[in-house]
Structure formats: C-alpha cells, structure tokens
Amino acid sequence: MKVKPEQQEIWDSILEANQDIYGLSINHAIGMVGNRLDKDDSPKQALESLDHADLTGFMRGCVAKAIGQFHIRGDEFKKYWNIKCGGTGEERGTINPAILTIK
C-alpha cells in the first residue's frame, strides 16, 4: 500500500503493534483496499474488495480511518466513505458506521 511519506513511521508502528488475530484481520482488509487504490481503482471499487470479508462495522470503520489517514489517496477515499455513510464528504474525521443514531 502506498503510504504518505510523512506517515510511514507511524504506519509501520501500527502494523507492528497489531499482530493478534483481530488486528491482523483489520490490517489485511486495509491492505486489500489500499492495494486497489494503488492500482488506480475508484474508492468505490476499492471498498468493494471488502464485500465478502467477515468484518464488523467497527472493523470497517477502522479500515476507512486507516486508509484516510495513511494512504496517499486517503483524502479522496475518506470523502467517498463519509458520503456513503450519510455525511457530506467535508467532515474532518472519518464517520464510524458502528455508531447508532436515533432521531
């Protein structure tokens, strides 16, 4: 995955720290999405790589957060993700799909 150069050291430490089965599952999913973005797929196509992954909503939110922060196309992906989750695409952070909102 193409990581923003200024984020590489942080990214490497995150990968190293998350070596349990849960962390490895998320890291694998991040790699799937990141590699699709590396191949110039659209954010929608990259996210579709997770269609058959066994991930919770929280785990998918972790993937989106990591891609948004670390991938060189992270801003583009984060905007798509936030719109898909009901936002405007202009949010500073990444919308977590595991949050329940009652109106």
PDB file of N, CA and C in Angstrom:
ATOM      1  N   MET A   1       0.857  -1.172   0.000  1.00  0.00           N
ATOM      2  CA  MET A   1       0.000   0.000   0.000  1.00  0.00           C
ATOM      3  C   MET A   1       0.899   1.230   0.000  1.00  0.00           C
ATOM      4  N   LYS A   2       0.533   2.211  -0.799  1.00  0.00           N
ATOM      5  CA  LYS A   2       1.306   3.450  -0.886  1.00  0.00           C
ATOM      6  C   LYS A   2       0.926   4.377   0.269  1.00  0.00           C
ATOM      7  N   VAL A   3       1.853   4.491   1.211  1.00  0.00           N
ATOM      8  CA  VAL A   3       1.626   5.282   2.420  1.00  0.00           C
ATOM      9  C   VAL A   3       2.209   6.679   2.216  1.00  0.00           C
ATOM     10  N   LYS A   4       1.510   7.680   2.767  1.00  0.00           N
ATOM     11  CA  LYS A   4       2.039   9.045   2.749  1.00  0.00           C
ATOM     12  C   LYS A   4       3.409   9.028   3.423  1.00  0.00           C
ATOM     13  N   PRO A   5       4.439   9.583   2.777  1.00  0.00           N
ATOM     14  CA  PRO A   5       5.791   9.505   3.350  1.00  0.00           C
ATOM     15  C   PRO A   5       5.881  10.022   4.784  1.00  0.00           C
ATOM     16  N   GLU A   6       5.168  11.094   5.094  1.00  0.00           N
ATOM     17  CA  GLU A   6       5.239  11.665   6.443  1.00  0.00           C
ATOM     18  C   GLU A   6       4.527  10.798   7.488  1.00  0.00           C
ATOM     19  N   GLN A   7       3.777   9.787   7.027  1.00  0.00           N
ATOM     20  CA  GLN A   7       3.047   8.895   7.933  1.00  0.00           C
ATOM     21  C   GLN A   7       3.671   7.502   8.021  1.00  0.00           C
ATOM     22  N   GLN A   8       4.731   7.251   7.261  1.00  0.00           N
ATOM     23  CA  GLN A   8       5.286   5.898   7.158  1.00  0.00           C
ATOM     24  C   GLN A   8       5.720   5.322   8.506  1.00  0.00           C
ATOM     25  N   GLU A   9       6.418   6.089   9.305  1.00  0.00           N
ATOM     26  CA  GLU A   9       6.913   5.584  10.592  1.00  0.00           C
ATOM     27  C   GLU A   9       5.754   5.213  11.521  1.00  0.00           C
ATOM     28  N   ILE A  10       4.734   6.042  11.558  1.00  0.00           N
ATOM     29  CA  ILE A  10       3.554   5.752  12.393  1.00  0.00           C
ATOM     30  C   ILE A  10       2.857   4.501  11.873  1.00  0.00           C
ATOM     31  N   TRP A  11       2.704   4.412  10.559  1.00  0.00           N
ATOM     32  CA  TRP A  11       2.046   3.250   9.949  1.00  0.00           C
ATOM     33  C   TRP A  11       2.787   1.960  10.294  1.00  0.00           C
ATOM     34  N   ASP A  12       4.102   1.982  10.177  1.00  0.00           N
ATOM     35  CA  ASP A  12       4.902   0.797  10.498  1.00  0.00           C
ATOM     36  C   ASP A  12       4.711   0.381  11.954  1.00  0.00           C
ATOM     37  N   SER A  13       4.644   1.350  12.859  1.00  0.00           N
ATOM     38  CA  SER A  13       4.463   1.014  14.276  1.00  0.00           C
ATOM     39  C   SER A  13       3.073   0.441  14.545  1.00  0.00           C
ATOM     40  N   ILE A  14       2.077   0.914  13.822  1.00  0.00           N
ATOM     41  CA  ILE A  14       0.718   0.370  13.972  1.00  0.00           C
ATOM     42  C   ILE A  14       0.675  -1.081  13.502  1.00  0.00           C
ATOM     43  N   LEU A  15       1.286  -1.351  12.355  1.00  0.00           N
ATOM     44  CA  LEU A  15       1.318  -2.730  11.854  1.00  0.00           C
ATOM     45  C   LEU A  15       2.022  -3.656  12.845  1.00  0.00           C
ATOM     46  N   GLU A  16       3.117  -3.197  13.393  1.00  0.00           N
ATOM     47  CA  GLU A  16       3.891  -3.994  14.341  1.00  0.00           C
ATOM     48  C   GLU A  16       3.112  -4.264  15.630  1.00  0.00           C
ATOM     49  N   ALA A  17       2.344  -3.292  16.072  1.00  0.00           N
ATOM     50  CA  ALA A  17       1.623  -3.414  17.339  1.00  0.00           C
ATOM     51  C   ALA A  17       0.349  -4.251  17.233  1.00  0.00           C
ATOM     52  N   ASN A  18      -0.148  -4.468  16.031  1.00  0.00           N
ATOM     53  CA  ASN A  18      -1.425  -5.166  15.853  1.00  0.00           C
ATOM     54  C   ASN A  18      -1.215  -6.512  15.187  1.00  0.00           C
ATOM     55  N   GLN A  19      -0.631  -7.435  15.933  1.00  0.00           N
ATOM     56  CA  GLN A  19      -0.303  -8.749  15.393  1.00  0.00           C
ATOM     57  C   GLN A  19      -1.196  -9.869  15.941  1.00  0.00           C
ATOM     58  N   ASP A  20      -2.222  -9.518  16.715  1.00  0.00           N
ATOM     59  CA  ASP A  20      -3.168 -10.545  17.154  1.00  0.00           C
ATOM     60  C   ASP A  20      -4.153 -10.808  16.007  1.00  0.00           C
ATOM     61  N   ILE A  21      -4.999 -11.793  16.150  1.00  0.00           N
ATOM     62  CA  ILE A  21      -5.904 -12.195  15.063  1.00  0.00           C
ATOM     63  C   ILE A  21      -6.843 -11.059  14.653  1.00  0.00           C
ATOM     64  N   TYR A  22      -7.297 -10.287  15.631  1.00  0.00           N
ATOM     65  CA  TYR A  22      -8.197  -9.169  15.347  1.00  0.00           C
ATOM     66  C   TYR A  22      -7.464  -8.093  14.545  1.00  0.00           C
ATOM     67  N   GLY A  23      -6.292  -7.699  15.025  1.00  0.00           N
ATOM     68  CA  GLY A  23      -5.505  -6.678  14.339  1.00  0.00           C
ATOM     69  C   GLY A  23      -5.068  -7.124  12.964  1.00  0.00           C
ATOM     70  N   LEU A  24      -4.672  -8.386  12.842  1.00  0.00           N
ATOM     71  CA  LEU A  24      -4.250  -8.901  11.536  1.00  0.00           C
ATOM     72  C   LEU A  24      -5.404  -8.903  10.537  1.00  0.00           C
ATOM     73  N   SER A  25      -6.618  -9.190  11.011  1.00  0.00           N
ATOM     74  CA  SER A  25      -7.787  -9.151  10.124  1.00  0.00           C
ATOM     75  C   SER A  25      -8.005  -7.746   9.575  1.00  0.00           C
ATOM     76  N   ILE A  26      -7.895  -6.761  10.449  1.00  0.00           N
ATOM     77  CA  ILE A  26      -8.059  -5.374  10.020  1.00  0.00           C
ATOM     78  C   ILE A  26      -6.916  -4.971   9.096  1.00  0.00           C
ATOM     79  N   ASN A  27      -5.684  -5.328   9.453  1.00  0.00           N
ATOM     80  CA  ASN A  27      -4.533  -4.996   8.610  1.00  0.00           C
ATOM     81  C   ASN A  27      -4.670  -5.607   7.221  1.00  0.00           C
ATOM     82  N   HIS A  28      -5.159  -6.842   7.154  1.00  0.00           N
ATOM     83  CA  HIS A  28      -5.360  -7.494   5.861  1.00  0.00           C
ATOM     84  C   HIS A  28      -6.393  -6.734   5.024  1.00  0.00           C
ATOM     85  N   ALA A  29      -7.481  -6.329   5.664  1.00  0.00           N
ATOM     86  CA  ALA A  29      -8.520  -5.582   4.955  1.00  0.00           C
ATOM     87  C   ALA A  29      -8.001  -4.224   4.479  1.00  0.00           C
ATOM     88  N   ILE A  30      -7.201  -3.565   5.312  1.00  0.00           N
ATOM     89  CA  ILE A  30      -6.591  -2.297   4.917  1.00  0.00           C
ATOM     90  C   ILE A  30      -5.727  -2.510   3.683  1.00  0.00           C
ATOM     91  N   GLY A  31      -4.954  -3.588   3.687  1.00  0.00           N
ATOM     92  CA  GLY A  31      -4.111  -3.903   2.539  1.00  0.00           C
ATOM     93  C   GLY A  31      -4.914  -4.152   1.278  1.00  0.00           C
ATOM     94  N   MET A  32      -6.050  -4.846   1.408  1.00  0.00           N
ATOM     95  CA  MET A  32      -6.898  -5.106   0.243  1.00  0.00           C
ATOM     96  C   MET A  32      -7.392  -3.805  -0.372  1.00  0.00           C
ATOM     97  N   VAL A  33      -7.905  -2.910   0.463  1.00  0.00           N
ATOM     98  CA  VAL A  33      -8.417  -1.626  -0.017  1.00  0.00           C
ATOM     99  C   VAL A  33      -7.275  -0.769  -0.557  1.00  0.00           C
ATOM    100  N   GLY A  34      -6.190  -0.691   0.197  1.00  0.00           N
ATOM    101  CA  GLY A  34      -5.049   0.117  -0.218  1.00  0.00           C
ATOM    102  C   GLY A  34      -4.458  -0.335  -1.538  1.00  0.00           C
ATOM    103  N   ASN A  35      -4.345  -1.639  -1.730  1.00  0.00           N
ATOM    104  CA  ASN A  35      -3.787  -2.151  -2.981  1.00  0.00           C
ATOM    105  C   ASN A  35      -4.676  -1.837  -4.176  1.00  0.00           C
ATOM    106  N   ARG A  36      -5.977  -1.852  -3.971  1.00  0.00           N
ATOM    107  CA  ARG A  36      -6.887  -1.475  -5.068  1.00  0.00           C
ATOM    108  C   ARG A  36      -6.730   0.005  -5.409  1.00  0.00           C
ATOM    109  N   LEU A  37      -6.583   0.847  -4.378  1.00  0.00           N
ATOM    110  CA  LEU A  37      -6.356   2.274  -4.638  1.00  0.00           C
ATOM    111  C   LEU A  37      -5.014   2.478  -5.338  1.00  0.00           C
ATOM    112  N   ASP A  38      -4.013   1.677  -4.982  1.00  0.00           N
ATOM    113  CA  ASP A  38      -2.705   1.755  -5.637  1.00  0.00           C
ATOM    114  C   ASP A  38      -2.811   1.475  -7.129  1.00  0.00           C
ATOM    115  N   LYS A  39      -3.767   0.645  -7.501  1.00  0.00           N
ATOM    116  CA  LYS A  39      -3.960   0.272  -8.914  1.00  0.00           C
ATOM    117  C   LYS A  39      -4.888   1.242  -9.635  1.00  0.00           C
ATOM    118  N   ASP A  40      -5.142   2.391  -9.010  1.00  0.00           N
ATOM    119  CA  ASP A  40      -5.997   3.442  -9.564  1.00  0.00           C
ATOM    120  C   ASP A  40      -7.469   3.065  -9.651  1.00  0.00           C
ATOM    121  N   ASP A  41      -7.903   2.083  -8.855  1.00  0.00           N
ATOM    122  CA  ASP A  41      -9.332   1.820  -8.755  1.00  0.00           C
ATOM    123  C   ASP A  41      -9.989   2.989  -8.036  1.00  0.00           C
ATOM    124  N   SER A  42     -11.270   3.175  -8.269  1.00  0.00           N
ATOM    125  CA  SER A  42     -12.009   4.221  -7.567  1.00  0.00           C
ATOM    126  C   SER A  42     -12.179   3.808  -6.105  1.00  0.00           C
ATOM    127  N   PRO A  43     -12.452   4.773  -5.214  1.00  0.00           N
ATOM    128  CA  PRO A  43     -12.745   4.397  -3.821  1.00  0.00           C
ATOM    129  C   PRO A  43     -13.882   3.380  -3.724  1.00  0.00           C
ATOM    130  N   LYS A  44     -14.885   3.517  -4.577  1.00  0.00           N
ATOM    131  CA  LYS A  44     -15.997   2.565  -4.565  1.00  0.00           C
ATOM    132  C   LYS A  44     -15.500   1.166  -4.902  1.00  0.00           C
ATOM    133  N   GLN A  45     -14.692   1.044  -5.946  1.00  0.00           N
ATOM    134  CA  GLN A  45     -14.160  -0.261  -6.326  1.00  0.00           C
ATOM    135  C   GLN A  45     -13.256  -0.827  -5.234  1.00  0.00           C
ATOM    136  N   ALA A  46     -12.445   0.033  -4.640  1.00  0.00           N
ATOM    137  CA  ALA A  46     -11.545  -0.416  -3.576  1.00  0.00           C
ATOM    138  C   ALA A  46     -12.343  -0.953  -2.392  1.00  0.00           C
ATOM    139  N   LEU A  47     -13.393  -0.268  -2.027  1.00  0.00           N
ATOM    140  CA  LEU A  47     -14.224  -0.688  -0.905  1.00  0.00           C
ATOM    141  C   LEU A  47     -14.959  -1.991  -1.217  1.00  0.00           C
ATOM    142  N   GLU A  48     -15.293  -2.202  -2.474  1.00  0.00           N
ATOM    143  CA  GLU A  48     -15.968  -3.443  -2.871  1.00  0.00           C
ATOM    144  C   GLU A  48     -15.100  -4.671  -2.623  1.00  0.00           C
ATOM    145  N   SER A  49     -13.789  -4.473  -2.482  1.00  0.00           N
ATOM    146  CA  SER A  49     -12.912  -5.609  -2.189  1.00  0.00           C
ATOM    147  C   SER A  49     -13.232  -6.218  -0.829  1.00  0.00           C
ATOM    148  N   LEU A  50     -13.973  -5.497   0.012  1.00  0.00           N
ATOM    149  CA  LEU A  50     -14.362  -5.995   1.328  1.00  0.00           C
ATOM    150  C   LEU A  50     -15.753  -6.626   1.350  1.00  0.00           C
ATOM    151  N   ASP A  51     -16.404  -6.699   0.197  1.00  0.00           N
ATOM    152  CA  ASP A  51     -17.787  -7.196   0.165  1.00  0.00           C
ATOM    153  C   ASP A  51     -17.949  -8.572   0.806  1.00  0.00           C
ATOM    154  N   HIS A  52     -16.970  -9.430   0.674  1.00  0.00           N
ATOM    155  CA  HIS A  52     -17.095 -10.785   1.221  1.00  0.00           C
ATOM    156  C   HIS A  52     -16.214 -11.005   2.440  1.00  0.00           C
ATOM    157  N   ALA A  53     -15.655  -9.916   2.962  1.00  0.00           N
ATOM    158  CA  ALA A  53     -14.817 -10.024   4.164  1.00  0.00           C
ATOM    159  C   ALA A  53     -15.709 -10.133   5.398  1.00  0.00           C
ATOM    160  N   ASP A  54     -15.273 -10.899   6.354  1.00  0.00           N
ATOM    161  CA  ASP A  54     -16.024 -11.099   7.594  1.00  0.00           C
ATOM    162  C   ASP A  54     -15.579 -10.049   8.610  1.00  0.00           C
ATOM    163  N   LEU A  55     -16.090  -8.824   8.427  1.00  0.00           N
ATOM    164  CA  LEU A  55     -15.713  -7.696   9.269  1.00  0.00           C
ATOM    165  C   LEU A  55     -16.944  -7.078   9.902  1.00  0.00           C
ATOM    166  N   THR A  56     -16.801  -6.637  11.137  1.00  0.00           N
ATOM    167  CA  THR A  56     -17.883  -5.906  11.791  1.00  0.00           C
ATOM    168  C   THR A  56     -17.896  -4.465  11.263  1.00  0.00           C
ATOM    169  N   GLY A  57     -18.938  -3.734  11.589  1.00  0.00           N
ATOM    170  CA  GLY A  57     -18.999  -2.325  11.222  1.00  0.00           C
ATOM    171  C   GLY A  57     -17.854  -1.534  11.826  1.00  0.00           C
ATOM    172  N   PHE A  58     -17.511  -1.852  13.084  1.00  0.00           N
ATOM    173  CA  PHE A  58     -16.401  -1.162  13.728  1.00  0.00           C
ATOM    174  C   PHE A  58     -15.096  -1.438  12.988  1.00  0.00           C
ATOM    175  N   MET A  59     -14.878  -2.694  12.588  1.00  0.00           N
ATOM    176  CA  MET A  59     -13.656  -3.055  11.861  1.00  0.00           C
ATOM    177  C   MET A  59     -13.589  -2.319  10.516  1.00  0.00           C
ATOM    178  N   ARG A  60     -14.719  -2.222   9.830  1.00  0.00           N
ATOM    179  CA  ARG A  60     -14.754  -1.484   8.562  1.00  0.00           C
ATOM    180  C   ARG A  60     -14.431  -0.006   8.800  1.00  0.00           C
ATOM    181  N   GLY A  61     -14.908   0.526   9.912  1.00  0.00           N
ATOM    182  CA  GLY A  61     -14.582   1.902  10.266  1.00  0.00           C
ATOM    183  C   GLY A  61     -13.092   2.075  10.517  1.00  0.00           C
ATOM    184  N   CYS A  62     -12.466   1.080  11.129  1.00  0.00           N
ATOM    185  CA  CYS A  62     -11.011   1.115  11.345  1.00  0.00           C
ATOM    186  C   CYS A  62     -10.275   1.124  10.011  1.00  0.00           C
ATOM    187  N   VAL A  63     -10.753   0.319   9.082  1.00  0.00           N
ATOM    188  CA  VAL A  63     -10.146   0.281   7.745  1.00  0.00           C
ATOM    189  C   VAL A  63     -10.256   1.652   7.092  1.00  0.00           C
ATOM    190  N   ALA A  64     -11.456   2.227   7.114  1.00  0.00           N
ATOM    191  CA  ALA A  64     -11.663   3.539   6.483  1.00  0.00           C
ATOM    192  C   ALA A  64     -10.804   4.610   7.144  1.00  0.00           C
ATOM    193  N   LYS A  65     -10.722   4.592   8.463  1.00  0.00           N
ATOM    194  CA  LYS A  65      -9.900   5.570   9.181  1.00  0.00           C
ATOM    195  C   LYS A  65      -8.435   5.453   8.787  1.00  0.00           C
ATOM    196  N   ALA A  66      -7.937   4.209   8.745  1.00  0.00           N
ATOM    197  CA  ALA A  66      -6.528   3.999   8.397  1.00  0.00           C
ATOM    198  C   ALA A  66      -6.238   4.413   6.962  1.00  0.00           C
ATOM    199  N   ILE A  67      -7.103   4.038   6.045  1.00  0.00           N
ATOM    200  CA  ILE A  67      -6.888   4.425   4.645  1.00  0.00           C
ATOM    201  C   ILE A  67      -6.915   5.948   4.541  1.00  0.00           C
ATOM    202  N   GLY A  68      -7.881   6.581   5.178  1.00  0.00           N
ATOM    203  CA  GLY A  68      -7.988   8.038   5.134  1.00  0.00           C
ATOM    204  C   GLY A  68      -6.765   8.741   5.679  1.00  0.00           C
ATOM    205  N   GLN A  69      -6.183   8.196   6.723  1.00  0.00           N
ATOM    206  CA  GLN A  69      -5.032   8.839   7.359  1.00  0.00           C
ATOM    207  C   GLN A  69      -3.711   8.505   6.676  1.00  0.00           C
ATOM    208  N   PHE A  70      -3.536   7.273   6.231  1.00  0.00           N
ATOM    209  CA  PHE A  70      -2.212   6.833   5.806  1.00  0.00           C
ATOM    210  C   PHE A  70      -2.010   6.688   4.296  1.00  0.00           C
ATOM    211  N   HIS A  71      -3.035   6.371   3.542  1.00  0.00           N
ATOM    212  CA  HIS A  71      -2.860   6.134   2.103  1.00  0.00           C
ATOM    213  C   HIS A  71      -2.677   7.451   1.364  1.00  0.00           C
ATOM    214  N   ILE A  72      -1.887   7.424   0.305  1.00  0.00           N
ATOM    215  CA  ILE A  72      -1.654   8.661  -0.446  1.00  0.00           C
ATOM    216  C   ILE A  72      -2.931   9.195  -1.094  1.00  0.00           C
ATOM    217  N   ARG A  73      -3.923   8.340  -1.308  1.00  0.00           N
ATOM    218  CA  ARG A  73      -5.226   8.779  -1.827  1.00  0.00           C
ATOM    219  C   ARG A  73      -6.273   8.804  -0.716  1.00  0.00           C
ATOM    220  N   GLY A  74      -5.810   8.921   0.515  1.00  0.00           N
ATOM    221  CA  GLY A  74      -6.696   8.838   1.669  1.00  0.00           C
ATOM    222  C   GLY A  74      -7.773   9.899   1.722  1.00  0.00           C
ATOM    223  N   ASP A  75      -7.463  11.123   1.333  1.00  0.00           N
ATOM    224  CA  ASP A  75      -8.480  12.185   1.374  1.00  0.00           C
ATOM    225  C   ASP A  75      -9.626  11.888   0.418  1.00  0.00           C
ATOM    226  N   GLU A  76      -9.284  11.404  -0.760  1.00  0.00           N
ATOM    227  CA  GLU A  76     -10.304  11.038  -1.748  1.00  0.00           C
ATOM    228  C   GLU A  76     -11.172   9.900  -1.224  1.00  0.00           C
ATOM    229  N   PHE A  77     -10.527   8.884  -0.632  1.00  0.00           N
ATOM    230  CA  PHE A  77     -11.264   7.749  -0.086  1.00  0.00           C
ATOM    231  C   PHE A  77     -12.152   8.173   1.066  1.00  0.00           C
ATOM    232  N   LYS A  78     -11.610   8.983   1.980  1.00  0.00           N
ATOM    233  CA  LYS A  78     -12.378   9.424   3.152  1.00  0.00           C
ATOM    234  C   LYS A  78     -13.623  10.195   2.725  1.00  0.00           C
ATOM    235  N   LYS A  79     -13.513  11.039   1.725  1.00  0.00           N
ATOM    236  CA  LYS A  79     -14.668  11.792   1.242  1.00  0.00           C
ATOM    237  C   LYS A  79     -15.744  10.836   0.734  1.00  0.00           C
ATOM    238  N   TYR A  80     -15.352   9.850  -0.072  1.00  0.00           N
ATOM    239  CA  TYR A  80     -16.307   8.860  -0.583  1.00  0.00           C
ATOM    240  C   TYR A  80     -16.945   8.098   0.581  1.00  0.00           C
ATOM    241  N   TRP A  81     -16.122   7.630   1.498  1.00  0.00           N
ATOM    242  CA  TRP A  81     -16.609   6.857   2.644  1.00  0.00           C
ATOM    243  C   TRP A  81     -17.636   7.653   3.442  1.00  0.00           C
ATOM    244  N   ASN A  82     -17.305   8.899   3.764  1.00  0.00           N
ATOM    245  CA  ASN A  82     -18.201   9.705   4.586  1.00  0.00           C
ATOM    246  C   ASN A  82     -19.525   9.978   3.883  1.00  0.00           C
ATOM    247  N   ILE A  83     -19.492  10.212   2.591  1.00  0.00           N
ATOM    248  CA  ILE A  83     -20.742  10.398   1.837  1.00  0.00           C
ATOM    249  C   ILE A  83     -21.551   9.109   1.872  1.00  0.00           C
ATOM    250  N   LYS A  84     -20.887   7.969   1.672  1.00  0.00           N
ATOM    251  CA  LYS A  84     -21.557   6.676   1.703  1.00  0.00           C
ATOM    252  C   LYS A  84     -22.213   6.415   3.065  1.00  0.00           C
ATOM    253  N   CYS A  85     -21.603   6.950   4.126  1.00  0.00           N
ATOM    254  CA  CYS A  85     -22.133   6.767   5.485  1.00  0.00           C
ATOM    255  C   CYS A  85     -23.126   7.858   5.878  1.00  0.00           C
ATOM    256  N   GLY A  86     -23.558   8.678   4.928  1.00  0.00           N
ATOM    257  CA  GLY A  86     -24.576   9.682   5.208  1.00  0.00           C
ATOM    258  C   GLY A  86     -24.045  11.069   5.502  1.00  0.00           C
ATOM    259  N   GLY A  87     -22.754  11.263   5.393  1.00  0.00           N
ATOM    260  CA  GLY A  87     -22.167  12.578   5.639  1.00  0.00           C
ATOM    261  C   GLY A  87     -22.144  13.434   4.384  1.00  0.00           C
ATOM    262  N   THR A  88     -21.469  14.556   4.489  1.00  0.00           N
ATOM    263  CA  THR A  88     -21.371  15.486   3.364  1.00  0.00           C
ATOM    264  C   THR A  88     -20.099  15.293   2.555  1.00  0.00           C
ATOM    265  N   GLY A  89     -19.129  14.602   3.126  1.00  0.00           N
ATOM    266  CA  GLY A  89     -17.826  14.462   2.490  1.00  0.00           C
ATOM    267  C   GLY A  89     -16.855  15.541   2.931  1.00  0.00           C
ATOM    268  N   GLU A  90     -17.339  16.480   3.709  1.00  0.00           N
ATOM    269  CA  GLU A  90     -16.490  17.584   4.180  1.00  0.00           C
ATOM    270  C   GLU A  90     -16.106  17.435   5.649  1.00  0.00           C
ATOM    271  N   GLU A  91     -16.444  16.313   6.268  1.00  0.00           N
ATOM    272  CA  GLU A  91     -16.123  16.083   7.673  1.00  0.00           C
ATOM    273  C   GLU A  91     -14.606  16.033   7.856  1.00  0.00           C
ATOM    274  N   ARG A  92     -14.148  16.487   9.007  1.00  0.00           N
ATOM    275  CA  ARG A  92     -12.706  16.425   9.308  1.00  0.00           C
ATOM    276  C   ARG A  92     -12.270  14.995   9.559  1.00  0.00           C
ATOM    277  N   GLY A  93     -13.094  14.232  10.225  1.00  0.00           N
ATOM    278  CA  GLY A  93     -12.752  12.851  10.563  1.00  0.00           C
ATOM    279  C   GLY A  93     -13.449  11.857   9.660  1.00  0.00           C
ATOM    280  N   THR A  94     -13.348  10.607  10.032  1.00  0.00           N
ATOM    281  CA  THR A  94     -13.971   9.513   9.292  1.00  0.00           C
ATOM    282  C   THR A  94     -15.196   9.054  10.062  1.00  0.00           C
ATOM    283  N   ILE A  95     -16.324   8.969   9.387  1.00  0.00           N
ATOM    284  CA  ILE A  95     -17.560   8.531  10.039  1.00  0.00           C
ATOM    285  C   ILE A  95     -17.431   7.060  10.395  1.00  0.00           C
ATOM    286  N   ASN A  96     -17.804   6.730  11.644  1.00  0.00           N
ATOM    287  CA  ASN A  96     -17.769   5.358  12.122  1.00  0.00           C
ATOM    288  C   ASN A  96     -19.142   4.733  11.862  1.00  0.00           C
ATOM    289  N   PRO A  97     -19.217   3.697  11.019  1.00  0.00           N
ATOM    290  CA  PRO A  97     -20.513   3.097  10.697  1.00  0.00           C
ATOM    291  C   PRO A  97     -21.109   2.291  11.840  1.00  0.00           C
ATOM    292  N   ALA A  98     -20.360   2.076  12.910  1.00  0.00           N
ATOM    293  CA  ALA A  98     -20.855   1.292  14.038  1.00  0.00           C
ATOM    294  C   ALA A  98     -21.627   2.150  15.036  1.00  0.00           C
ATOM    295  N   ILE A  99     -21.741   3.431  14.778  1.00  0.00           N
ATOM    296  CA  ILE A  99     -22.462   4.326  15.683  1.00  0.00           C
ATOM    297  C   ILE A  99     -23.951   4.293  15.339  1.00  0.00           C
ATOM    298  N   LEU A 100     -24.770   4.147  16.332  1.00  0.00           N
ATOM    299  CA  LEU A 100     -26.215   4.129  16.164  1.00  0.00           C
ATOM    300  C   LEU A 100     -26.750   5.532  16.443  1.00  0.00           C
ATOM    301  N   THR A 101     -27.533   6.060  15.523  1.00  0.00           N
ATOM    302  CA  THR A 101     -28.140   7.367  15.697  1.00  0.00           C
ATOM    303  C   THR A 101     -29.652   7.200  15.742  1.00  0.00           C
ATOM    304  N   ILE A 102     -30.274   7.724  16.776  1.00  0.00           N
ATOM    305  CA  ILE A 102     -31.722   7.651  16.914  1.00  0.00           C
ATOM    306  C   ILE A 102     -32.267   9.069  16.751  1.00  0.00           C
ATOM    307  N   LYS A 103     -33.201   9.215  15.842  1.00  0.00           N
ATOM    308  CA  LYS A 103     -33.815  10.523  15.611  1.00  0.00           C
ATOM    309  C   LYS A 103     -35.221  10.539  16.116  1.00  0.00           C
TER     310      LYS A 103
END
